[in-house]
């Protein structure tokens, strides 16, 4: 009886040791995969003001028809996020709550930009609770920033310099705009390309 207990105890210790080794090997593999898999980032586009270039103030209108300036210098506002959306874009509808949360957490001044009918925009504003955010409606801003697909975001500083920009469809993509700015790279993809070049 005692011999059986000792053998069982020995076997259990061997199994525990094997599990520890397997866990360490798994942790190492997760680390290797983490290094190999590129982080997801907003997909940058070639048109419009380049990252690092100053944007020009574009005259457009809000939903009440009042003229507003978008882009250019805005002293006292360290970071501004222009969020290009459409009432007919399903991805935009999913991203709007994330954009609001992101702007609040990162202390970014958020402005929505669209190019739909006023009625469609007002319905979207009511549905998503955007009354507290500036909403610019007209094609001028999208043309100035060469926005071809939605949802699209542009991060500006107080001088109107484009810090980062790109197509976004998740909270991670929005965060990549700030990360790219903090890392002083044009985009997360640019950073990954540099890392691969350094390794090669």
N, C-alpha and C. Protein backbone atom coordinates (compact mmCIF):
# COMPACT_ATOMS: atom_id res chain seq x y z
N UNK A 1 0.83 -1.21 0.00
CA UNK A 1 0.00 0.00 0.00
C UNK A 1 0.86 1.25 0.00
N UNK A 2 1.84 1.28 0.93
CA UNK A 2 2.74 2.42 1.03
C UNK A 2 3.55 2.58 -0.25
N UNK A 3 4.00 1.46 -0.82
CA UNK A 3 4.79 1.51 -2.06
C UNK A 3 3.96 2.11 -3.20
N UNK A 4 2.68 1.75 -3.28
CA UNK A 4 1.80 2.27 -4.33
C UNK A 4 1.63 3.78 -4.19
N UNK A 5 1.50 4.26 -2.93
CA UNK A 5 1.36 5.69 -2.69
C UNK A 5 2.63 6.45 -3.11
N UNK A 6 3.79 5.86 -2.79
CA UNK A 6 5.06 6.51 -3.15
C UNK A 6 5.21 6.57 -4.66
N UNK A 7 4.85 5.48 -5.34
CA UNK A 7 4.94 5.45 -6.81
C UNK A 7 3.98 6.48 -7.42
N UNK A 8 2.74 6.52 -6.88
CA UNK A 8 1.76 7.48 -7.39
C UNK A 8 2.24 8.92 -7.19
N UNK A 9 2.85 9.18 -6.01
CA UNK A 9 3.37 10.51 -5.72
C UNK A 9 4.50 10.87 -6.68
N UNK A 10 5.35 9.92 -6.94
CA UNK A 10 6.47 10.16 -7.87
C UNK A 10 5.98 10.44 -9.28
N UNK A 11 4.97 9.66 -9.70
CA UNK A 11 4.41 9.87 -11.05
C UNK A 11 3.77 11.25 -11.16
N UNK A 12 3.05 11.67 -10.10
CA UNK A 12 2.40 12.99 -10.13
C UNK A 12 3.43 14.10 -10.23
N UNK A 13 4.57 13.95 -9.54
CA UNK A 13 5.63 14.98 -9.63
C UNK A 13 6.24 15.03 -11.03
N UNK A 14 6.39 13.86 -11.64
CA UNK A 14 6.92 13.81 -13.00
C UNK A 14 5.95 14.50 -13.97
N UNK A 15 4.64 14.23 -13.80
CA UNK A 15 3.64 14.86 -14.65
C UNK A 15 3.63 16.37 -14.46
N UNK A 16 3.72 16.84 -13.21
CA UNK A 16 3.75 18.29 -12.92
C UNK A 16 4.97 18.93 -13.57
N UNK A 17 6.13 18.28 -13.46
CA UNK A 17 7.34 18.81 -14.07
C UNK A 17 7.20 18.90 -15.59
N UNK A 18 6.58 17.88 -16.19
CA UNK A 18 6.37 17.88 -17.64
C UNK A 18 5.42 19.01 -18.05
N UNK A 19 4.39 19.25 -17.24
CA UNK A 19 3.45 20.34 -17.53
C UNK A 19 4.13 21.71 -17.43
N UNK A 20 5.02 21.88 -16.47
CA UNK A 20 5.76 23.14 -16.32
C UNK A 20 6.63 23.38 -17.55
N UNK A 21 7.32 22.32 -17.99
CA UNK A 21 8.17 22.45 -19.19
C UNK A 21 7.32 22.80 -20.42
N UNK A 22 6.17 22.14 -20.54
CA UNK A 22 5.28 22.42 -21.67
C UNK A 22 4.75 23.85 -21.62
N UNK A 23 4.43 24.33 -20.42
CA UNK A 23 3.94 25.70 -20.27
C UNK A 23 5.01 26.72 -20.65
N UNK A 24 6.24 26.48 -20.24
CA UNK A 24 7.35 27.37 -20.60
C UNK A 24 7.58 27.38 -22.11
N UNK A 25 7.50 26.21 -22.73
CA UNK A 25 7.67 26.13 -24.19
C UNK A 25 6.55 26.88 -24.90
N UNK A 26 5.32 26.76 -24.39
CA UNK A 26 4.18 27.45 -24.99
C UNK A 26 4.32 28.97 -24.85
N UNK A 27 4.77 29.40 -23.67
CA UNK A 27 4.98 30.84 -23.46
C UNK A 27 6.03 31.39 -24.42
N UNK A 28 7.07 30.60 -24.64
CA UNK A 28 8.12 31.03 -25.58
C UNK A 28 7.56 31.15 -26.99
N UNK A 29 6.73 30.19 -27.40
CA UNK A 29 6.14 30.23 -28.74
C UNK A 29 5.20 31.43 -28.91
N UNK A 30 4.44 31.76 -27.87
CA UNK A 30 3.56 32.93 -27.92
C UNK A 30 4.40 34.20 -28.10
N UNK A 31 5.52 34.27 -27.40
CA UNK A 31 6.42 35.42 -27.55
C UNK A 31 6.97 35.52 -28.96
N UNK A 32 7.34 34.39 -29.54
CA UNK A 32 7.87 34.38 -30.91
C UNK A 32 6.79 34.84 -31.89
N UNK A 33 5.57 34.34 -31.73
CA UNK A 33 4.47 34.74 -32.61
C UNK A 33 4.17 36.22 -32.47
N UNK A 34 4.23 36.71 -31.24
CA UNK A 34 3.97 38.14 -31.00
C UNK A 34 4.98 39.00 -31.74
N UNK A 35 6.21 38.57 -31.80
CA UNK A 35 7.25 39.33 -32.50
C UNK A 35 7.07 39.25 -34.02
N UNK A 36 6.56 38.10 -34.50
CA UNK A 36 6.44 37.91 -35.95
C UNK A 36 5.20 38.53 -36.54
N UNK A 37 4.10 38.56 -35.77
CA UNK A 37 2.83 39.08 -36.30
C UNK A 37 2.86 40.59 -36.21
N UNK A 38 2.65 41.24 -37.33
CA UNK A 38 2.66 42.70 -37.37
C UNK A 38 1.43 43.26 -36.67
N UNK A 39 1.59 44.36 -35.94
CA UNK A 39 0.43 44.97 -35.30
C UNK A 39 -0.52 45.55 -36.34
N UNK A 40 -1.80 45.51 -36.03
CA UNK A 40 -2.79 46.08 -36.95
C UNK A 40 -2.79 47.58 -36.82
N UNK A 41 -2.82 48.25 -37.94
CA UNK A 41 -2.83 49.70 -37.91
C UNK A 41 -3.71 50.25 -39.00
N UNK A 42 -4.03 51.53 -38.88
CA UNK A 42 -4.82 52.19 -39.91
C UNK A 42 -4.07 52.14 -41.23
N UNK A 43 -4.79 51.82 -42.30
CA UNK A 43 -4.18 51.70 -43.62
C UNK A 43 -4.02 53.09 -44.23
N UNK A 44 -2.79 53.53 -44.39
CA UNK A 44 -2.54 54.87 -44.92
C UNK A 44 -2.78 54.92 -46.42
N UNK A 45 -3.08 56.12 -46.89
CA UNK A 45 -3.30 56.33 -48.31
C UNK A 45 -2.34 57.41 -48.81
N UNK A 46 -2.14 57.44 -50.12
CA UNK A 46 -1.13 58.34 -50.69
C UNK A 46 -1.66 59.75 -50.92
N UNK A 47 -2.95 59.92 -51.14
CA UNK A 47 -3.48 61.23 -51.48
C UNK A 47 -3.61 62.16 -50.29
N UNK A 48 -3.85 63.44 -50.61
CA UNK A 48 -4.06 64.43 -49.56
C UNK A 48 -2.76 64.86 -48.91
N UNK A 49 -2.83 65.72 -47.89
CA UNK A 49 -1.62 66.15 -47.20
C UNK A 49 -0.88 64.96 -46.60
N UNK A 50 0.43 64.92 -46.82
CA UNK A 50 1.23 63.81 -46.32
C UNK A 50 1.40 63.93 -44.81
N UNK A 51 1.70 62.81 -44.17
CA UNK A 51 2.01 62.82 -42.74
C UNK A 51 3.25 63.69 -42.53
N UNK A 52 3.15 64.63 -41.62
CA UNK A 52 4.23 65.57 -41.36
C UNK A 52 4.06 66.89 -42.07
N UNK A 53 3.09 66.96 -43.00
CA UNK A 53 2.83 68.20 -43.73
C UNK A 53 1.70 68.97 -43.05
N UNK A 54 1.72 70.28 -43.23
CA UNK A 54 0.68 71.12 -42.66
C UNK A 54 -0.57 71.06 -43.53
N UNK A 55 -1.72 70.92 -42.91
CA UNK A 55 -2.98 70.94 -43.64
C UNK A 55 -3.46 72.37 -43.77
N UNK A 56 -4.16 72.64 -44.84
CA UNK A 56 -4.75 73.96 -45.04
C UNK A 56 -6.14 74.00 -44.42
N UNK A 57 -6.52 75.14 -43.91
CA UNK A 57 -7.87 75.31 -43.38
C UNK A 57 -8.86 75.28 -44.53
N UNK A 58 -9.82 74.38 -44.46
CA UNK A 58 -10.81 74.21 -45.52
C UNK A 58 -12.14 74.79 -45.04
N UNK A 59 -12.75 75.63 -45.84
CA UNK A 59 -14.04 76.20 -45.47
C UNK A 59 -15.16 75.26 -45.88
N UNK A 60 -15.98 74.91 -44.91
CA UNK A 60 -17.13 74.04 -45.17
C UNK A 60 -18.30 74.57 -44.37
N UNK A 61 -19.32 73.73 -44.17
CA UNK A 61 -20.50 74.16 -43.42
C UNK A 61 -20.94 73.07 -42.45
N UNK A 62 -21.54 73.51 -41.34
CA UNK A 62 -22.13 72.53 -40.43
C UNK A 62 -23.56 72.25 -40.87
N UNK A 63 -24.26 71.46 -40.08
CA UNK A 63 -25.61 71.05 -40.49
C UNK A 63 -26.62 72.19 -40.48
N UNK A 64 -26.29 73.27 -39.77
CA UNK A 64 -27.17 74.43 -39.76
C UNK A 64 -26.87 75.39 -40.91
N UNK A 65 -25.84 75.03 -41.70
CA UNK A 65 -25.48 75.88 -42.83
C UNK A 65 -24.48 76.96 -42.49
N UNK A 66 -24.03 77.01 -41.24
CA UNK A 66 -23.05 78.03 -40.85
C UNK A 66 -21.66 77.64 -41.34
N UNK A 67 -20.87 78.62 -41.81
CA UNK A 67 -19.52 78.29 -42.29
C UNK A 67 -18.59 77.89 -41.15
N UNK A 68 -17.76 76.90 -41.39
CA UNK A 68 -16.77 76.45 -40.41
C UNK A 68 -15.46 76.17 -41.13
N UNK A 69 -14.36 76.31 -40.41
CA UNK A 69 -13.04 75.98 -40.95
C UNK A 69 -12.58 74.66 -40.37
N UNK A 70 -12.12 73.77 -41.23
CA UNK A 70 -11.63 72.46 -40.80
C UNK A 70 -10.18 72.32 -41.24
N UNK A 71 -9.31 71.89 -40.32
CA UNK A 71 -7.89 71.80 -40.61
C UNK A 71 -7.21 73.12 -40.28
N UNK A 72 -5.96 73.23 -40.66
CA UNK A 72 -5.22 74.43 -40.33
C UNK A 72 -4.91 74.49 -38.84
N UNK A 73 -4.39 75.64 -38.40
CA UNK A 73 -4.01 75.79 -37.00
C UNK A 73 -5.24 75.95 -36.11
N UNK A 74 -5.16 75.41 -34.90
CA UNK A 74 -6.21 75.55 -33.88
C UNK A 74 -5.52 75.59 -32.53
N UNK A 75 -5.02 76.76 -32.17
CA UNK A 75 -4.24 76.90 -30.94
C UNK A 75 -5.09 76.56 -29.72
N UNK A 76 -4.48 75.87 -28.79
CA UNK A 76 -5.18 75.45 -27.58
C UNK A 76 -5.81 74.08 -27.70
N UNK A 77 -5.69 73.45 -28.86
CA UNK A 77 -6.22 72.10 -29.06
C UNK A 77 -5.07 71.19 -29.48
N UNK A 78 -4.41 70.52 -28.55
CA UNK A 78 -3.21 69.74 -28.86
C UNK A 78 -3.42 68.68 -29.94
N UNK A 79 -4.51 67.93 -29.85
CA UNK A 79 -4.77 66.86 -30.82
C UNK A 79 -6.22 66.95 -31.29
N UNK A 80 -6.39 66.85 -32.62
CA UNK A 80 -7.73 66.84 -33.21
C UNK A 80 -7.86 65.62 -34.10
N UNK A 81 -9.01 64.98 -34.02
CA UNK A 81 -9.28 63.82 -34.86
C UNK A 81 -10.44 64.14 -35.78
N UNK A 82 -10.18 64.13 -37.09
CA UNK A 82 -11.24 64.27 -38.07
C UNK A 82 -11.71 62.88 -38.44
N UNK A 83 -12.98 62.60 -38.19
CA UNK A 83 -13.54 61.28 -38.44
C UNK A 83 -14.52 61.37 -39.60
N UNK A 84 -14.14 60.81 -40.74
CA UNK A 84 -14.98 60.86 -41.94
C UNK A 84 -15.93 59.66 -41.94
N UNK A 85 -17.23 59.95 -41.93
CA UNK A 85 -18.25 58.90 -41.82
C UNK A 85 -19.38 59.17 -42.80
N UNK A 86 -20.23 58.17 -42.94
CA UNK A 86 -21.42 58.32 -43.79
C UNK A 86 -22.58 57.55 -43.16
N UNK A 87 -23.77 58.09 -43.32
CA UNK A 87 -24.96 57.44 -42.77
C UNK A 87 -25.23 56.11 -43.46
N UNK A 88 -24.71 55.93 -44.68
CA UNK A 88 -24.96 54.69 -45.43
C UNK A 88 -23.81 53.69 -45.31
N UNK A 89 -22.86 53.95 -44.43
CA UNK A 89 -21.69 53.07 -44.26
C UNK A 89 -21.85 52.22 -42.99
N UNK A 90 -22.05 50.90 -43.14
CA UNK A 90 -22.21 50.04 -41.95
C UNK A 90 -21.01 50.07 -41.01
N UNK A 91 -19.79 50.08 -41.57
CA UNK A 91 -18.60 50.13 -40.73
C UNK A 91 -18.55 51.41 -39.91
N UNK A 92 -18.98 52.51 -40.52
CA UNK A 92 -18.99 53.80 -39.81
C UNK A 92 -19.89 53.73 -38.58
N UNK A 93 -21.07 53.12 -38.75
CA UNK A 93 -22.03 53.03 -37.65
C UNK A 93 -21.44 52.23 -36.49
N UNK A 94 -20.68 51.19 -36.81
CA UNK A 94 -20.06 50.38 -35.75
C UNK A 94 -18.90 51.12 -35.09
N UNK A 95 -18.23 51.97 -35.86
CA UNK A 95 -17.02 52.61 -35.35
C UNK A 95 -17.32 53.87 -34.55
N UNK A 96 -18.46 54.51 -34.78
CA UNK A 96 -18.76 55.78 -34.11
C UNK A 96 -18.68 55.67 -32.59
N UNK A 97 -19.30 54.66 -31.94
CA UNK A 97 -19.15 54.57 -30.48
C UNK A 97 -17.69 54.39 -30.04
N UNK A 98 -16.91 53.64 -30.83
CA UNK A 98 -15.49 53.45 -30.51
C UNK A 98 -14.73 54.78 -30.63
N UNK A 99 -15.08 55.56 -31.66
CA UNK A 99 -14.41 56.85 -31.86
C UNK A 99 -14.71 57.79 -30.69
N UNK A 100 -15.94 57.78 -30.21
CA UNK A 100 -16.31 58.63 -29.08
C UNK A 100 -15.54 58.22 -27.83
N UNK A 101 -15.48 56.92 -27.57
CA UNK A 101 -14.74 56.41 -26.41
C UNK A 101 -13.25 56.70 -26.54
N UNK A 102 -12.71 56.50 -27.73
CA UNK A 102 -11.29 56.75 -27.98
C UNK A 102 -10.95 58.21 -27.74
N UNK A 103 -11.76 59.12 -28.27
CA UNK A 103 -11.52 60.55 -28.12
C UNK A 103 -11.57 60.96 -26.65
N UNK A 104 -12.50 60.39 -25.91
CA UNK A 104 -12.61 60.70 -24.48
C UNK A 104 -11.40 60.18 -23.72
N UNK A 105 -10.99 58.96 -23.99
CA UNK A 105 -9.86 58.36 -23.27
C UNK A 105 -8.54 59.04 -23.60
N UNK A 106 -8.36 59.42 -24.87
CA UNK A 106 -7.09 60.01 -25.31
C UNK A 106 -7.10 61.54 -25.25
N UNK A 107 -8.21 62.12 -24.83
CA UNK A 107 -8.37 63.58 -24.76
C UNK A 107 -8.08 64.25 -26.10
N UNK A 108 -8.77 63.73 -27.09
CA UNK A 108 -8.63 64.23 -28.46
C UNK A 108 -9.93 64.95 -28.84
N UNK A 109 -9.80 66.12 -29.45
CA UNK A 109 -10.98 66.85 -29.94
C UNK A 109 -11.49 66.16 -31.20
N UNK A 110 -12.71 65.65 -31.14
CA UNK A 110 -13.27 64.84 -32.21
C UNK A 110 -14.26 65.64 -33.05
N UNK A 111 -14.04 65.64 -34.35
CA UNK A 111 -14.97 66.28 -35.29
C UNK A 111 -15.39 65.26 -36.33
N UNK A 112 -16.68 65.14 -36.55
CA UNK A 112 -17.19 64.23 -37.57
C UNK A 112 -17.38 65.00 -38.88
N UNK A 113 -17.03 64.35 -39.97
CA UNK A 113 -17.15 64.96 -41.29
C UNK A 113 -17.93 64.01 -42.20
N UNK A 114 -18.93 64.54 -42.87
CA UNK A 114 -19.74 63.70 -43.76
C UNK A 114 -20.10 64.44 -45.03
N UNK A 115 -20.76 63.72 -45.92
CA UNK A 115 -21.17 64.30 -47.20
C UNK A 115 -22.48 63.63 -47.64
N UNK A 116 -23.47 63.68 -46.76
CA UNK A 116 -24.79 63.11 -47.05
C UNK A 116 -25.82 64.23 -47.02
N UNK A 117 -27.06 63.87 -47.19
CA UNK A 117 -28.11 64.87 -47.03
C UNK A 117 -28.20 65.28 -45.55
N UNK A 118 -28.68 66.48 -45.32
CA UNK A 118 -28.78 66.98 -43.95
C UNK A 118 -29.70 66.08 -43.12
N UNK A 119 -30.79 65.62 -43.71
CA UNK A 119 -31.72 64.75 -42.97
C UNK A 119 -31.06 63.45 -42.56
N UNK A 120 -30.27 62.85 -43.47
CA UNK A 120 -29.58 61.59 -43.15
C UNK A 120 -28.56 61.82 -42.04
N UNK A 121 -27.86 62.94 -42.08
CA UNK A 121 -26.87 63.23 -41.04
C UNK A 121 -27.54 63.46 -39.70
N UNK A 122 -28.63 64.21 -39.70
CA UNK A 122 -29.33 64.47 -38.43
C UNK A 122 -29.86 63.17 -37.83
N UNK A 123 -30.34 62.27 -38.67
CA UNK A 123 -30.82 60.98 -38.16
C UNK A 123 -29.68 60.18 -37.54
N UNK A 124 -28.51 60.21 -38.19
CA UNK A 124 -27.36 59.49 -37.66
C UNK A 124 -26.90 60.11 -36.34
N UNK A 125 -26.90 61.43 -36.27
CA UNK A 125 -26.50 62.12 -35.04
C UNK A 125 -27.42 61.74 -33.89
N UNK A 126 -28.73 61.72 -34.16
CA UNK A 126 -29.70 61.36 -33.11
C UNK A 126 -29.54 59.91 -32.69
N UNK A 127 -29.30 59.01 -33.67
CA UNK A 127 -29.19 57.59 -33.36
C UNK A 127 -27.96 57.29 -32.53
N UNK A 128 -26.85 57.99 -32.80
CA UNK A 128 -25.59 57.68 -32.13
C UNK A 128 -25.20 58.69 -31.05
N UNK A 129 -26.06 59.62 -30.74
CA UNK A 129 -25.79 60.58 -29.68
C UNK A 129 -24.59 61.47 -29.96
N UNK A 130 -24.56 62.08 -31.14
CA UNK A 130 -23.42 62.90 -31.54
C UNK A 130 -23.68 64.40 -31.38
N UNK A 131 -24.72 64.75 -30.65
CA UNK A 131 -25.08 66.16 -30.53
C UNK A 131 -23.97 67.01 -29.93
N UNK A 132 -23.13 66.41 -29.10
CA UNK A 132 -22.07 67.18 -28.42
C UNK A 132 -20.83 67.37 -29.29
N UNK A 133 -20.81 66.77 -30.48
CA UNK A 133 -19.62 66.84 -31.33
C UNK A 133 -19.86 67.72 -32.55
N UNK A 134 -18.84 68.48 -32.96
CA UNK A 134 -18.98 69.23 -34.21
C UNK A 134 -19.19 68.27 -35.38
N UNK A 135 -20.10 68.64 -36.26
CA UNK A 135 -20.39 67.80 -37.42
C UNK A 135 -20.35 68.68 -38.67
N UNK A 136 -19.40 68.41 -39.54
CA UNK A 136 -19.22 69.18 -40.77
C UNK A 136 -19.83 68.38 -41.92
N UNK A 137 -20.61 69.05 -42.76
CA UNK A 137 -21.28 68.34 -43.83
C UNK A 137 -20.98 69.01 -45.18
N UNK A 138 -20.28 68.29 -46.04
CA UNK A 138 -19.96 68.81 -47.36
C UNK A 138 -18.76 68.09 -47.93
N UNK A 139 -18.60 68.13 -49.25
CA UNK A 139 -17.52 67.38 -49.90
C UNK A 139 -16.14 68.03 -49.81
N UNK A 140 -16.09 69.30 -49.41
CA UNK A 140 -14.83 70.06 -49.50
C UNK A 140 -13.72 69.45 -48.65
N UNK A 141 -14.05 69.06 -47.42
CA UNK A 141 -13.02 68.55 -46.52
C UNK A 141 -12.51 67.19 -47.00
N UNK A 142 -13.42 66.33 -47.41
CA UNK A 142 -13.02 65.02 -47.93
C UNK A 142 -12.13 65.15 -49.15
N UNK A 143 -12.45 66.11 -50.01
CA UNK A 143 -11.62 66.33 -51.20
C UNK A 143 -10.25 66.87 -50.83
N UNK A 144 -10.19 67.77 -49.84
CA UNK A 144 -8.92 68.35 -49.43
C UNK A 144 -7.99 67.30 -48.84
N UNK A 145 -8.56 66.30 -48.14
CA UNK A 145 -7.75 65.25 -47.53
C UNK A 145 -7.73 63.98 -48.38
N UNK A 146 -8.27 64.06 -49.60
CA UNK A 146 -8.28 62.94 -50.55
C UNK A 146 -8.83 61.66 -49.93
N UNK A 147 -10.00 61.78 -49.32
CA UNK A 147 -10.64 60.63 -48.70
C UNK A 147 -11.42 59.88 -49.77
N UNK A 148 -11.01 58.64 -50.03
CA UNK A 148 -11.66 57.84 -51.06
C UNK A 148 -12.57 56.77 -50.51
N UNK A 149 -12.26 56.27 -49.31
CA UNK A 149 -13.05 55.21 -48.69
C UNK A 149 -13.31 55.56 -47.23
N UNK A 150 -14.37 54.97 -46.70
CA UNK A 150 -14.76 55.23 -45.32
C UNK A 150 -14.81 53.93 -44.52
N UNK A 151 -14.69 54.05 -43.20
CA UNK A 151 -14.38 55.22 -42.38
C UNK A 151 -12.90 55.59 -42.46
N UNK A 152 -12.64 56.89 -42.42
CA UNK A 152 -11.28 57.41 -42.56
C UNK A 152 -11.04 58.41 -41.44
N UNK A 153 -9.83 58.44 -40.92
CA UNK A 153 -9.51 59.35 -39.81
C UNK A 153 -8.20 60.07 -40.08
N UNK A 154 -8.14 61.32 -39.64
CA UNK A 154 -6.93 62.14 -39.74
C UNK A 154 -6.66 62.75 -38.38
N UNK A 155 -5.43 62.57 -37.88
CA UNK A 155 -5.03 63.13 -36.59
C UNK A 155 -4.17 64.37 -36.85
N UNK A 156 -4.60 65.52 -36.30
CA UNK A 156 -3.90 66.79 -36.49
C UNK A 156 -3.42 67.33 -35.15
N UNK A 157 -2.33 68.11 -35.19
CA UNK A 157 -1.91 68.81 -33.98
C UNK A 157 -2.45 70.23 -33.99
N UNK A 158 -2.04 71.05 -33.01
CA UNK A 158 -2.60 72.39 -32.91
C UNK A 158 -2.15 73.32 -34.03
N UNK A 159 -1.08 72.94 -34.74
CA UNK A 159 -0.61 73.76 -35.86
C UNK A 159 -1.24 73.31 -37.19
N UNK A 160 -2.03 72.25 -37.15
CA UNK A 160 -2.65 71.74 -38.36
C UNK A 160 -1.80 70.73 -39.09
N UNK A 161 -0.70 70.29 -38.48
CA UNK A 161 0.16 69.29 -39.11
C UNK A 161 -0.50 67.92 -39.02
N UNK A 162 -0.47 67.18 -40.12
CA UNK A 162 -1.03 65.82 -40.15
C UNK A 162 -0.07 64.89 -39.42
N UNK A 163 -0.49 64.38 -38.28
CA UNK A 163 0.35 63.49 -37.48
C UNK A 163 0.25 62.05 -37.96
N UNK A 164 -0.93 61.64 -38.36
CA UNK A 164 -1.16 60.30 -38.90
C UNK A 164 -2.54 60.29 -39.52
N UNK A 165 -2.79 59.31 -40.39
CA UNK A 165 -4.08 59.23 -41.05
C UNK A 165 -4.26 57.82 -41.61
N UNK A 166 -5.49 57.48 -41.98
CA UNK A 166 -5.70 56.19 -42.62
C UNK A 166 -7.12 55.68 -42.48
N UNK A 167 -7.38 54.59 -43.19
CA UNK A 167 -8.66 53.89 -43.09
C UNK A 167 -8.71 53.18 -41.74
N UNK A 168 -9.82 53.31 -41.06
CA UNK A 168 -9.95 52.71 -39.73
C UNK A 168 -11.26 51.93 -39.67
N UNK A 169 -11.23 50.77 -39.02
CA UNK A 169 -12.49 50.05 -38.81
C UNK A 169 -12.54 49.36 -37.45
N UNK A 170 -11.64 49.77 -36.53
CA UNK A 170 -11.65 49.20 -35.19
C UNK A 170 -11.01 50.17 -34.21
N UNK A 171 -11.20 49.93 -32.94
CA UNK A 171 -10.57 50.75 -31.90
C UNK A 171 -9.05 50.65 -32.01
N UNK A 172 -8.56 49.46 -32.36
CA UNK A 172 -7.11 49.26 -32.50
C UNK A 172 -6.54 50.15 -33.61
N UNK A 173 -7.28 50.31 -34.69
CA UNK A 173 -6.84 51.18 -35.78
C UNK A 173 -6.77 52.63 -35.32
N UNK A 174 -7.78 53.07 -34.56
CA UNK A 174 -7.76 54.43 -34.04
C UNK A 174 -6.56 54.65 -33.13
N UNK A 175 -6.31 53.67 -32.26
CA UNK A 175 -5.18 53.80 -31.35
C UNK A 175 -3.85 53.81 -32.10
N UNK A 176 -3.79 53.13 -33.24
CA UNK A 176 -2.55 53.10 -34.01
C UNK A 176 -2.18 54.48 -34.53
N UNK A 177 -3.18 55.35 -34.73
CA UNK A 177 -2.89 56.72 -35.17
C UNK A 177 -2.09 57.47 -34.11
N UNK A 178 -2.49 57.33 -32.86
CA UNK A 178 -1.77 57.99 -31.77
C UNK A 178 -0.42 57.33 -31.54
N UNK A 179 -0.39 56.00 -31.64
CA UNK A 179 0.88 55.27 -31.44
C UNK A 179 1.89 55.67 -32.50
N UNK A 180 1.44 55.77 -33.76
CA UNK A 180 2.34 56.17 -34.84
C UNK A 180 2.90 57.56 -34.56
N UNK A 181 2.04 58.46 -34.08
CA UNK A 181 2.50 59.82 -33.74
C UNK A 181 3.53 59.79 -32.61
N UNK A 182 3.23 59.03 -31.56
CA UNK A 182 4.14 58.96 -30.41
C UNK A 182 5.48 58.32 -30.77
N UNK A 183 5.46 57.37 -31.71
CA UNK A 183 6.69 56.70 -32.14
C UNK A 183 7.41 57.48 -33.24
N UNK A 184 6.80 58.59 -33.67
CA UNK A 184 7.38 59.44 -34.72
C UNK A 184 7.60 58.67 -36.02
N UNK A 185 6.60 57.88 -36.39
CA UNK A 185 6.61 57.19 -37.68
C UNK A 185 5.35 57.58 -38.42
N UNK A 186 5.34 57.40 -39.74
CA UNK A 186 4.18 57.77 -40.53
C UNK A 186 2.99 56.86 -40.26
N UNK A 187 3.27 55.59 -40.00
CA UNK A 187 2.21 54.63 -39.73
C UNK A 187 2.82 53.42 -39.04
N UNK A 188 1.95 52.56 -38.49
CA UNK A 188 2.43 51.33 -37.89
C UNK A 188 3.09 50.45 -38.95
N UNK A 189 2.53 50.45 -40.17
CA UNK A 189 3.12 49.67 -41.25
C UNK A 189 4.53 50.16 -41.57
N UNK A 190 4.73 51.47 -41.51
CA UNK A 190 6.05 52.05 -41.75
C UNK A 190 7.04 51.55 -40.69
N UNK A 191 6.59 51.51 -39.45
CA UNK A 191 7.45 51.03 -38.36
C UNK A 191 7.82 49.56 -38.57
N UNK A 192 6.83 48.75 -38.95
CA UNK A 192 7.09 47.32 -39.18
C UNK A 192 8.07 47.14 -40.32
N UNK A 193 7.91 47.92 -41.39
CA UNK A 193 8.82 47.83 -42.54
C UNK A 193 10.25 48.18 -42.12
N UNK A 194 10.38 49.19 -41.28
CA UNK A 194 11.72 49.56 -40.80
C UNK A 194 12.34 48.46 -39.96
N UNK A 195 11.50 47.85 -39.11
CA UNK A 195 12.00 46.76 -38.26
C UNK A 195 12.47 45.58 -39.10
N UNK A 196 11.70 45.24 -40.13
CA UNK A 196 12.07 44.13 -41.01
C UNK A 196 13.34 44.47 -41.76
N UNK A 197 13.49 45.74 -42.17
CA UNK A 197 14.69 46.16 -42.87
C UNK A 197 15.90 46.08 -41.96
N UNK A 198 15.71 46.45 -40.69
CA UNK A 198 16.83 46.39 -39.74
C UNK A 198 17.25 44.95 -39.49
N UNK A 199 16.26 44.05 -39.39
CA UNK A 199 16.56 42.63 -39.16
C UNK A 199 17.29 42.04 -40.34
N UNK A 200 16.84 42.39 -41.57
CA UNK A 200 17.46 41.88 -42.79
C UNK A 200 18.87 42.41 -42.93
